[in-house]
């Protein structure tokens, strides 16, 4: 066992149940609207597995978007109300764009949307314009196909030129209030995820069809979380990378129930901003 492996194996961890994709015939699909009569809301059924989820705080300074596929950053903000869509777009978007350009040394950053989440006990995750529930299945927001399509969809005439360089989809995820004990985020080390573990799945909207990755269980996956995240901290998650030079391209993630969380923990509130990040070379 190498020094790095010894360091990881000595990290604190919790054992938690993560919802992988159960075997399913055909391409999995989920409706983001009411399904047609007789159709299930989703054919992507959960297959729970108990896995160790390691505390990433002791190794946070070593984490890299290009290696593990995620990173912990400090990112104070001045937003007063994350439930105010206008304030998020006018105040938070420019701050995130500037932060990512500087942090990732990017030539350009374009924010294409955001999602606010607030866990409500027993509530379904409904896409009705209000706060969403935490996503409790292992997934990646984009695929090799939909990541590229995001550039074409949002940047029109500039897209082909931008796609000559390196394009990434990076989410910036943060608590709205902290510290977070309830439904924290688990992220897989992208190096431990085999290409065959990622199952392209359709996400059907009223006016378009998206594609995400569901994830098959693999005992080799190594999972991390950042306990007690504060509102001054954020996670960068890689959801797509056009680079095929060996760097991690996708980082599966999911909310999970921390069995060590206090019974009276405040329900998790969070916001993720989804961005396109470009490098000319």
Protein backbone atom coordinates (compact mmCIF):
# COMPACT_ATOMS: atom_id res chain seq x y z
CA UNK A 1 0.00 0.00 0.00
CA UNK A 2 1.48 3.35 -1.07
CA UNK A 3 1.77 6.40 1.16
CA UNK A 4 -1.28 8.03 -0.47
CA UNK A 5 -3.40 4.89 0.05
CA UNK A 6 -2.30 4.67 3.67
CA UNK A 7 -3.31 8.30 4.17
CA UNK A 8 -6.75 7.69 2.66
CA UNK A 9 -7.38 4.46 4.54
CA UNK A 10 -6.64 6.25 7.82
CA UNK A 11 -9.27 8.95 7.19
CA UNK A 12 -12.40 9.06 9.38
CA UNK A 13 -15.49 7.77 7.58
CA UNK A 14 -19.18 7.04 7.98
CA UNK A 15 -20.95 4.03 6.52
CA UNK A 16 -23.91 5.22 4.49
CA UNK A 17 -26.45 3.90 2.01
CA UNK A 18 -26.08 5.30 -1.51
CA UNK A 19 -28.65 4.73 -4.24
CA UNK A 20 -27.04 3.33 -7.38
CA UNK A 21 -28.88 2.33 -10.56
CA UNK A 22 -30.63 -1.03 -10.48
CA UNK A 23 -30.26 -3.11 -13.66
CA UNK A 24 -32.90 -2.00 -16.14
CA UNK A 25 -33.81 -3.06 -19.69
CA UNK A 26 -33.22 -0.37 -22.27
CA UNK A 27 -32.00 3.17 -21.70
CA UNK A 28 -33.21 4.56 -18.34
CA UNK A 29 -35.46 7.59 -18.57
CA UNK A 30 -37.03 10.01 -16.12
CA UNK A 31 -39.78 12.54 -16.76
CA UNK A 32 -39.26 16.04 -15.35
CA UNK A 33 -42.98 16.56 -15.90
CA UNK A 34 -46.09 14.43 -15.44
CA UNK A 35 -45.50 11.24 -17.46
CA UNK A 36 -47.94 10.12 -20.14
CA UNK A 37 -50.81 7.93 -18.88
CA UNK A 38 -49.59 4.48 -17.93
CA UNK A 39 -45.91 5.49 -17.97
CA UNK A 40 -43.81 5.43 -14.77
CA UNK A 41 -42.21 8.68 -13.64
CA UNK A 42 -38.83 6.96 -14.00
CA UNK A 43 -37.42 3.63 -15.13
CA UNK A 44 -34.18 4.41 -13.25
CA UNK A 45 -34.85 2.45 -10.07
CA UNK A 46 -32.58 2.66 -7.01
CA UNK A 47 -30.28 -0.13 -5.86
CA UNK A 48 -29.02 0.82 -2.36
CA UNK A 49 -25.49 -0.13 -1.31
CA UNK A 50 -23.78 0.54 2.04
CA UNK A 51 -20.37 2.09 1.45
CA UNK A 52 -17.75 3.97 3.47
CA UNK A 53 -17.83 7.73 2.82
CA UNK A 54 -14.50 9.26 3.83
CA UNK A 55 -14.02 12.65 5.48
CA UNK A 56 -12.26 14.79 2.88
CA UNK A 57 -11.30 17.61 5.23
CA UNK A 58 -7.86 16.19 6.19
CA UNK A 59 -6.89 15.95 2.49
CA UNK A 60 -8.83 18.98 1.21
CA UNK A 61 -5.73 20.88 0.13
CA UNK A 62 -4.68 17.93 -2.06
CA UNK A 63 -7.99 17.58 -3.92
CA UNK A 64 -8.02 18.51 -7.60
CA UNK A 65 -10.72 18.88 -10.24
CA UNK A 66 -8.41 17.23 -12.75
CA UNK A 67 -7.57 14.26 -10.51
CA UNK A 68 -10.48 13.46 -8.16
CA UNK A 69 -13.00 15.59 -10.07
CA UNK A 70 -13.94 17.84 -7.15
CA UNK A 71 -12.41 20.43 -4.84
CA UNK A 72 -13.29 22.29 -1.63
CA UNK A 73 -12.91 26.08 -1.79
CA UNK A 74 -13.54 29.05 0.45
CA UNK A 75 -16.05 31.38 -1.15
CA UNK A 76 -17.63 34.06 1.06
CA UNK A 77 -20.59 35.75 -0.57
CA UNK A 78 -22.78 38.82 -0.09
CA UNK A 79 -26.12 37.37 -1.22
CA UNK A 80 -28.81 38.13 1.36
CA UNK A 81 -31.56 35.87 0.01
CA UNK A 82 -30.78 32.86 -2.18
CA UNK A 83 -34.53 32.34 -2.64
CA UNK A 84 -34.70 35.64 -4.54
CA UNK A 85 -34.04 34.63 -8.14
CA UNK A 86 -33.26 38.20 -9.22
CA UNK A 87 -30.66 38.65 -6.49
CA UNK A 88 -29.03 35.31 -7.34
CA UNK A 89 -28.74 36.27 -11.00
CA UNK A 90 -27.66 39.89 -10.47
CA UNK A 91 -25.34 39.46 -7.47
CA UNK A 92 -24.30 35.81 -7.18
CA UNK A 93 -23.79 34.97 -10.86
CA UNK A 94 -21.17 37.70 -11.47
CA UNK A 95 -19.35 36.77 -8.24
CA UNK A 96 -19.24 33.07 -9.17
CA UNK A 97 -18.12 33.84 -12.71
CA UNK A 98 -15.24 36.04 -11.51
CA UNK A 99 -14.27 33.51 -8.84
CA UNK A 100 -14.13 30.59 -11.28
CA UNK A 101 -12.23 32.54 -13.92
CA UNK A 102 -9.56 33.38 -11.34
CA UNK A 103 -9.53 30.03 -9.51
CA UNK A 104 -9.47 27.87 -12.66
CA UNK A 105 -7.43 30.30 -14.77
CA UNK A 106 -10.21 30.08 -17.35
CA UNK A 107 -10.51 32.11 -20.52
CA UNK A 108 -14.27 32.27 -20.17
CA UNK A 109 -17.02 31.20 -17.76
CA UNK A 110 -20.71 31.13 -18.66
CA UNK A 111 -23.40 30.36 -16.07
CA UNK A 112 -26.39 28.60 -17.62
CA UNK A 113 -28.61 27.90 -14.60
CA UNK A 114 -28.91 27.25 -10.88
CA UNK A 115 -30.98 25.14 -8.51
CA UNK A 116 -31.95 25.93 -4.93
CA UNK A 117 -32.67 22.92 -2.71
CA UNK A 118 -34.35 22.65 0.67
CA UNK A 119 -35.06 19.27 2.22
CA UNK A 120 -38.63 18.81 3.41
CA UNK A 121 -39.24 15.54 5.24
CA UNK A 122 -41.35 13.18 3.15
CA UNK A 123 -41.74 15.57 0.19
CA UNK A 124 -41.22 14.45 -3.40
CA UNK A 125 -38.72 16.23 -5.62
CA UNK A 126 -40.96 18.30 -7.89
CA UNK A 127 -39.65 20.67 -10.58
CA UNK A 128 -42.31 23.35 -10.11
CA UNK A 129 -40.10 26.41 -9.88
CA UNK A 130 -39.76 26.30 -6.07
CA UNK A 131 -36.90 24.82 -4.05
CA UNK A 132 -36.02 21.27 -5.07
CA UNK A 133 -35.32 18.32 -2.75
CA UNK A 134 -31.75 17.02 -2.43
CA UNK A 135 -30.96 14.49 -5.17
CA UNK A 136 -30.69 11.10 -3.48
CA UNK A 137 -29.38 8.97 -6.35
CA UNK A 138 -25.84 8.61 -7.61
CA UNK A 139 -25.59 10.60 -10.84
CA UNK A 140 -23.59 12.98 -13.03
CA UNK A 141 -25.46 16.02 -14.36
CA UNK A 142 -24.09 15.69 -17.91
CA UNK A 143 -22.79 13.02 -20.29
CA UNK A 144 -20.13 13.20 -23.00
CA UNK A 145 -22.99 14.04 -25.39
CA UNK A 146 -25.05 16.48 -23.29
CA UNK A 147 -21.95 18.32 -22.02
CA UNK A 148 -21.04 19.28 -25.57
CA UNK A 149 -24.69 20.02 -26.36
CA UNK A 150 -24.83 22.50 -23.47
CA UNK A 151 -22.22 24.60 -25.26
CA UNK A 152 -24.16 24.44 -28.55
CA UNK A 153 -27.45 25.21 -26.79
CA UNK A 154 -26.30 28.22 -24.79
CA UNK A 155 -23.56 29.85 -26.86
CA UNK A 156 -24.94 29.63 -30.37
CA UNK A 157 -22.66 31.15 -32.99
CA UNK A 158 -19.66 31.10 -30.64
CA UNK A 159 -20.00 27.41 -29.76
CA UNK A 160 -17.97 25.81 -32.55
CA UNK A 161 -15.01 28.10 -31.92
CA UNK A 162 -15.17 27.53 -28.15
CA UNK A 163 -15.33 23.76 -28.67
CA UNK A 164 -11.99 23.85 -30.47
CA UNK A 165 -10.48 24.40 -27.03
CA UNK A 166 -11.25 22.65 -23.75
CA UNK A 167 -14.82 22.88 -22.45
CA UNK A 168 -16.00 21.79 -19.02
CA UNK A 169 -19.23 21.83 -17.04
CA UNK A 170 -18.38 22.73 -13.43
CA UNK A 171 -20.99 23.07 -10.68
CA UNK A 172 -20.37 25.31 -7.68
CA UNK A 173 -22.37 23.81 -4.78
CA UNK A 174 -22.70 25.52 -1.42
CA UNK A 175 -24.83 25.46 1.72
CA UNK A 176 -27.21 28.38 2.12
CA UNK A 177 -26.91 27.90 5.88
CA UNK A 178 -24.37 25.93 7.86
CA UNK A 179 -22.99 23.91 9.31
CA UNK A 180 -24.58 21.12 7.26
CA UNK A 181 -25.34 17.89 9.14
CA UNK A 182 -28.47 16.90 7.23
CA UNK A 183 -28.24 15.28 3.75
CA UNK A 184 -24.63 16.25 2.96
CA UNK A 185 -23.14 15.67 -0.49
CA UNK A 186 -21.04 12.59 -1.27
CA UNK A 187 -18.69 12.72 -4.27
CA UNK A 188 -16.88 9.80 -5.88
CA UNK A 189 -13.19 10.03 -6.73
CA UNK A 190 -13.44 10.10 -10.51
CA UNK A 191 -10.32 7.95 -10.87
CA UNK A 192 -12.18 5.02 -9.27
CA UNK A 193 -15.12 5.21 -11.70
CA UNK A 194 -14.87 3.02 -14.79
CA UNK A 195 -16.44 4.25 -18.05
CA UNK A 196 -18.81 1.25 -18.02
CA UNK A 197 -20.14 2.35 -14.61
CA UNK A 198 -21.74 5.41 -16.24
CA UNK A 199 -25.11 4.71 -17.85
CA UNK A 200 -26.52 7.41 -20.14
CA UNK A 201 -30.10 8.17 -19.08
CA UNK A 202 -32.73 10.41 -20.65
CA UNK A 203 -34.24 13.30 -18.68
CA UNK A 204 -37.42 14.39 -20.45
CA UNK A 205 -38.57 18.02 -20.06
CA UNK A 206 -41.70 19.63 -21.55
CA UNK A 207 -39.71 21.19 -24.41
CA UNK A 208 -36.48 19.20 -24.66
CA UNK A 209 -34.70 15.98 -23.75
CA UNK A 210 -31.54 16.07 -21.64
CA UNK A 211 -29.12 13.29 -20.83
CA UNK A 212 -27.44 12.50 -17.52
CA UNK A 213 -25.39 9.60 -16.22
CA UNK A 214 -26.90 7.15 -13.79
CA UNK A 215 -24.24 5.00 -12.10
CA UNK A 216 -23.92 1.24 -11.64
CA UNK A 217 -22.48 -0.05 -8.37
CA UNK A 218 -18.78 -0.83 -8.38
CA UNK A 219 -17.04 -1.90 -5.18
CA UNK A 220 -13.96 0.01 -6.32
CA UNK A 221 -15.63 3.42 -6.02
CA UNK A 222 -14.13 5.62 -3.31
CA UNK A 223 -16.52 8.15 -1.79
CA UNK A 224 -15.86 11.40 0.10
CA UNK A 225 -17.85 14.09 1.85
CA UNK A 226 -17.03 17.32 3.67
CA UNK A 227 -18.66 17.24 7.11
CA UNK A 228 -20.11 20.37 8.69
CA UNK A 229 -19.79 22.55 5.60
CA UNK A 230 -20.40 26.23 6.31
CA UNK A 231 -21.99 28.92 4.19
CA UNK A 232 -18.50 30.30 3.52
CA UNK A 233 -17.42 27.08 1.80
CA UNK A 234 -18.27 25.57 -1.58
CA UNK A 235 -17.59 22.43 -3.55
CA UNK A 236 -16.54 22.49 -7.20
CA UNK A 237 -17.90 19.41 -9.02
CA UNK A 238 -16.82 18.36 -12.48
CA UNK A 239 -19.83 17.22 -14.52
CA UNK A 240 -18.15 17.14 -17.95
CA UNK A 241 -14.74 17.66 -19.51
CA UNK A 242 -14.02 17.57 -23.24
CA UNK A 243 -10.39 16.70 -22.50
CA UNK A 244 -9.55 13.03 -23.08
CA UNK A 245 -5.91 13.13 -21.96
CA UNK A 246 -6.43 11.07 -18.79
CA UNK A 247 -7.82 13.77 -16.52
CA UNK A 248 -11.03 12.96 -14.67
CA UNK A 249 -14.00 13.88 -16.86
CA UNK A 250 -16.96 13.10 -14.58
CA UNK A 251 -17.49 13.09 -10.78
CA UNK A 252 -20.59 11.15 -9.66
CA UNK A 253 -22.30 12.57 -6.59
CA UNK A 254 -25.41 12.24 -4.43
CA UNK A 255 -26.98 13.50 -1.23
CA UNK A 256 -26.96 10.90 1.52
CA UNK A 257 -28.21 10.36 5.05
CA UNK A 258 -25.33 10.72 7.50
CA UNK A 259 -26.05 8.16 10.27
CA UNK A 260 -24.03 10.26 12.73
CA UNK A 261 -26.07 13.45 12.18
CA UNK A 262 -28.00 14.77 15.21
CA UNK A 263 -31.67 13.79 15.20
CA UNK A 264 -32.66 17.48 15.36
CA UNK A 265 -30.31 18.61 12.56
CA UNK A 266 -31.63 21.56 10.55
CA UNK A 267 -32.84 20.42 7.12
CA UNK A 268 -30.21 21.06 4.48
CA UNK A 269 -30.55 24.14 2.25
CA UNK A 270 -28.16 24.54 -0.67
CA UNK A 271 -27.66 26.12 -4.06
CA UNK A 272 -25.73 24.83 -7.05
CA UNK A 273 -24.73 27.00 -9.99
CA UNK A 274 -23.98 25.21 -13.26
CA UNK A 275 -21.30 26.73 -15.42
CA UNK A 276 -19.51 26.24 -18.72
CA UNK A 277 -15.77 26.77 -18.32
CA UNK A 278 -13.53 27.29 -21.35
CA UNK A 279 -9.76 27.15 -21.94
CA UNK A 280 -8.37 27.98 -25.38
CA UNK A 281 -5.59 25.43 -25.01
